Amino acid sequence: MLTGAGISVKSGIPDFRSPGTGLYYNIKKYNLTDPDLLFNRNYIKKNPKPFFSLVKEFISKNYSPSISHYLSVLFNQKGLLMRYYTQNIDSLDLKAGLTTAYLIE
């Protein structure tokens, strides 16, 4: 199974590009010249503060998994899930009950 950022929008987490609310739209508060730097491994090694500020925002809010997050748990219970790949860092898959043995973030 493979999911992207859109799976968490129903949970209240902003997407990347929506005008006014998207993460990239609001990149000014991180003082970055390029929004891709927020998730660039090499940049994070040099300057981890913007990334961890974003993660802190996620952790400080009590987001709940959407029905889509529970789908992976259902597939796992039915023996249909081999791996679950996601670009998300919100941990909502774990909150829904998916074990780390199947999750690749």
C-alpha atoms as a PDB file:
ATOM      1  CA  MET A   1       0.000   0.000   0.000  1.00  0.00           C
ATOM      2  CA  LEU A   2       1.254   3.499  -0.829  1.00  0.00           C
ATOM      3  CA  THR A   3      -0.150   6.823   0.387  1.00  0.00           C
ATOM      4  CA  GLY A   4       0.747  10.494   0.248  1.00  0.00           C
ATOM      5  CA  ALA A   5      -0.016  13.729   2.051  1.00  0.00           C
ATOM      6  CA  GLY A   6      -3.622  13.853   0.877  1.00  0.00           C
ATOM      7  CA  ILE A   7      -4.592  11.007   3.191  1.00  0.00           C
ATOM      8  CA  SER A   8      -4.112  13.279   6.225  1.00  0.00           C
ATOM      9  CA  VAL A   9      -5.945  16.360   4.942  1.00  0.00           C
ATOM     10  CA  LYS A  10      -9.266  15.011   6.277  1.00  0.00           C
ATOM     11  CA  SER A  11      -7.596  14.866   9.690  1.00  0.00           C
ATOM     12  CA  GLY A  12      -6.909  18.608   9.564  1.00  0.00           C
ATOM     13  CA  ILE A  13      -3.274  18.503   8.521  1.00  0.00           C
ATOM     14  CA  PRO A  14      -2.588  21.008   5.742  1.00  0.00           C
ATOM     15  CA  ASP A  15      -1.459  19.811   2.334  1.00  0.00           C
ATOM     16  CA  PHE A  16       1.619  21.229   0.653  1.00  0.00           C
ATOM     17  CA  ARG A  17       0.374  23.628  -1.992  1.00  0.00           C
ATOM     18  CA  SER A  18      -3.074  25.020  -1.163  1.00  0.00           C
ATOM     19  CA  PRO A  19      -3.056  28.838  -1.252  1.00  0.00           C
ATOM     20  CA  GLY A  20      -3.394  30.280   2.230  1.00  0.00           C
ATOM     21  CA  THR A  21      -3.143  27.033   4.178  1.00  0.00           C
ATOM     22  CA  GLY A  22      -0.550  24.820   2.477  1.00  0.00           C
ATOM     23  CA  LEU A  23       2.821  24.150   4.067  1.00  0.00           C
ATOM     24  CA  TYR A  24       4.697  25.569   1.088  1.00  0.00           C
ATOM     25  CA  TYR A  25       2.459  28.630   1.040  1.00  0.00           C
ATOM     26  CA  ASN A  26       3.370  29.356   4.665  1.00  0.00           C
ATOM     27  CA  ILE A  27       7.076  28.650   4.300  1.00  0.00           C
ATOM     28  CA  LYS A  28       8.031  32.245   5.214  1.00  0.00           C
ATOM     29  CA  LYS A  29       7.887  31.469   8.924  1.00  0.00           C
ATOM     30  CA  TYR A  30      10.770  29.013   8.458  1.00  0.00           C
ATOM     31  CA  ASN A  31      13.000  31.567   6.669  1.00  0.00           C
ATOM     32  CA  LEU A  32      13.774  29.211   3.779  1.00  0.00           C
ATOM     33  CA  THR A  33      14.606  30.263   0.237  1.00  0.00           C
ATOM     34  CA  ASP A  34      13.128  27.065  -1.222  1.00  0.00           C
ATOM     35  CA  PRO A  35      10.236  25.135   0.353  1.00  0.00           C
ATOM     36  CA  ASP A  36      11.801  21.809  -0.641  1.00  0.00           C
ATOM     37  CA  LEU A  37      14.576  22.483   1.881  1.00  0.00           C
ATOM     38  CA  LEU A  38      12.098  21.792   4.667  1.00  0.00           C
ATOM     39  CA  PHE A  39      12.265  18.083   3.775  1.00  0.00           C
ATOM     40  CA  ASN A  40      15.756  17.887   2.271  1.00  0.00           C
ATOM     41  CA  ARG A  41      17.921  15.430   4.230  1.00  0.00           C
ATOM     42  CA  ASN A  42      21.192  17.301   3.595  1.00  0.00           C
ATOM     43  CA  TYR A  43      19.661  20.627   4.599  1.00  0.00           C
ATOM     44  CA  ILE A  44      18.123  19.116   7.735  1.00  0.00           C
ATOM     45  CA  LYS A  45      21.559  17.840   8.771  1.00  0.00           C
ATOM     46  CA  LYS A  46      22.941  21.387   8.473  1.00  0.00           C
ATOM     47  CA  ASN A  47      19.918  23.215   9.890  1.00  0.00           C
ATOM     48  CA  PRO A  48      17.388  20.929  11.631  1.00  0.00           C
ATOM     49  CA  LYS A  49      15.399  23.736  13.299  1.00  0.00           C
ATOM     50  CA  PRO A  50      12.796  24.346  10.515  1.00  0.00           C
ATOM     51  CA  PHE A  51      12.008  20.645  10.148  1.00  0.00           C
ATOM     52  CA  PHE A  52      11.679  20.033  13.865  1.00  0.00           C
ATOM     53  CA  SER A  53       9.595  23.197  14.283  1.00  0.00           C
ATOM     54  CA  LEU A  54       7.153  21.745  11.768  1.00  0.00           C
ATOM     55  CA  VAL A  55       7.163  18.364  13.520  1.00  0.00           C
ATOM     56  CA  LYS A  56       6.543  20.096  16.849  1.00  0.00           C
ATOM     57  CA  GLU A  57       3.460  21.764  15.347  1.00  0.00           C
ATOM     58  CA  PHE A  58       2.131  18.345  14.325  1.00  0.00           C
ATOM     59  CA  ILE A  59       2.815  16.805  17.712  1.00  0.00           C
ATOM     60  CA  SER A  60       1.308  19.704  19.656  1.00  0.00           C
ATOM     61  CA  LYS A  61      -2.060  19.281  17.941  1.00  0.00           C
ATOM     62  CA  ASN A  62      -4.219  16.283  18.626  1.00  0.00           C
ATOM     63  CA  TYR A  63      -4.960  15.062  15.097  1.00  0.00           C
ATOM     64  CA  SER A  64      -7.089  11.968  14.686  1.00  0.00           C
ATOM     65  CA  PRO A  65      -6.666   9.373  11.934  1.00  0.00           C
ATOM     66  CA  SER A  66      -9.058   9.548   9.014  1.00  0.00           C
ATOM     67  CA  ILE A  67     -10.978   6.562   7.724  1.00  0.00           C
ATOM     68  CA  SER A  68      -8.231   6.132   5.124  1.00  0.00           C
ATOM     69  CA  HIS A  69      -5.663   5.531   7.871  1.00  0.00           C
ATOM     70  CA  TYR A  70      -7.786   2.696   9.229  1.00  0.00           C
ATOM     71  CA  LEU A  71      -7.868   1.018   5.817  1.00  0.00           C
ATOM     72  CA  SER A  72      -4.256  -0.129   6.212  1.00  0.00           C
ATOM     73  CA  VAL A  73      -5.138  -1.646   9.593  1.00  0.00           C
ATOM     74  CA  LEU A  74      -8.064  -3.503   8.024  1.00  0.00           C
ATOM     75  CA  PHE A  75      -5.845  -4.804   5.214  1.00  0.00           C
ATOM     76  CA  ASN A  76      -3.345  -5.959   7.833  1.00  0.00           C
ATOM     77  CA  GLN A  77      -6.035  -7.740   9.845  1.00  0.00           C
ATOM     78  CA  LYS A  78      -7.207  -9.531   6.686  1.00  0.00           C
ATOM     79  CA  GLY A  79      -3.635 -10.623   5.884  1.00  0.00           C
ATOM     80  CA  LEU A  80      -3.520  -8.501   2.731  1.00  0.00           C
ATOM     81  CA  LEU A  81      -0.883  -5.971   3.760  1.00  0.00           C
ATOM     82  CA  MET A  82       2.759  -6.719   3.002  1.00  0.00           C
ATOM     83  CA  ARG A  83       4.143  -3.180   3.471  1.00  0.00           C
ATOM     84  CA  TYR A  84       2.714   0.278   3.919  1.00  0.00           C
ATOM     85  CA  TYR A  85       4.738   3.094   2.340  1.00  0.00           C
ATOM     86  CA  THR A  86       3.844   6.684   3.180  1.00  0.00           C
ATOM     87  CA  GLN A  87       5.433  10.089   2.760  1.00  0.00           C
ATOM     88  CA  ASN A  88       3.624  11.264   5.896  1.00  0.00           C
ATOM     89  CA  ILE A  89       5.394  12.041   9.164  1.00  0.00           C
ATOM     90  CA  ASP A  90       2.248  12.627  11.203  1.00  0.00           C
ATOM     91  CA  SER A  91       2.114   9.153  12.867  1.00  0.00           C
ATOM     92  CA  LEU A  92      -1.611   8.890  12.202  1.00  0.00           C
ATOM     93  CA  ASP A  93      -1.102   5.414  10.759  1.00  0.00           C
ATOM     94  CA  LEU A  94       0.294   4.317  14.114  1.00  0.00           C
ATOM     95  CA  LYS A  95      -2.558   6.035  15.957  1.00  0.00           C
ATOM     96  CA  ALA A  96      -4.964   4.045  13.785  1.00  0.00           C
ATOM     97  CA  GLY A  97      -3.304   0.850  14.997  1.00  0.00           C
ATOM     98  CA  LEU A  98      -0.844  -0.099  12.280  1.00  0.00           C
ATOM     99  CA  THR A  99       2.301  -1.684  13.683  1.00  0.00           C
ATOM    100  CA  THR A 100       5.765  -0.411  12.829  1.00  0.00           C
ATOM    101  CA  ALA A 101       6.629  -3.798  11.287  1.00  0.00           C
ATOM    102  CA  TYR A 102       4.592  -2.831   8.201  1.00  0.00           C
ATOM    103  CA  LEU A 103       5.162   0.927   8.090  1.00  0.00           C
ATOM    104  CA  ILE A 104       7.832   2.552   5.940  1.00  0.00           C
ATOM    105  CA  GLU A 105       7.819   6.346   6.303  1.00  0.00           C
END
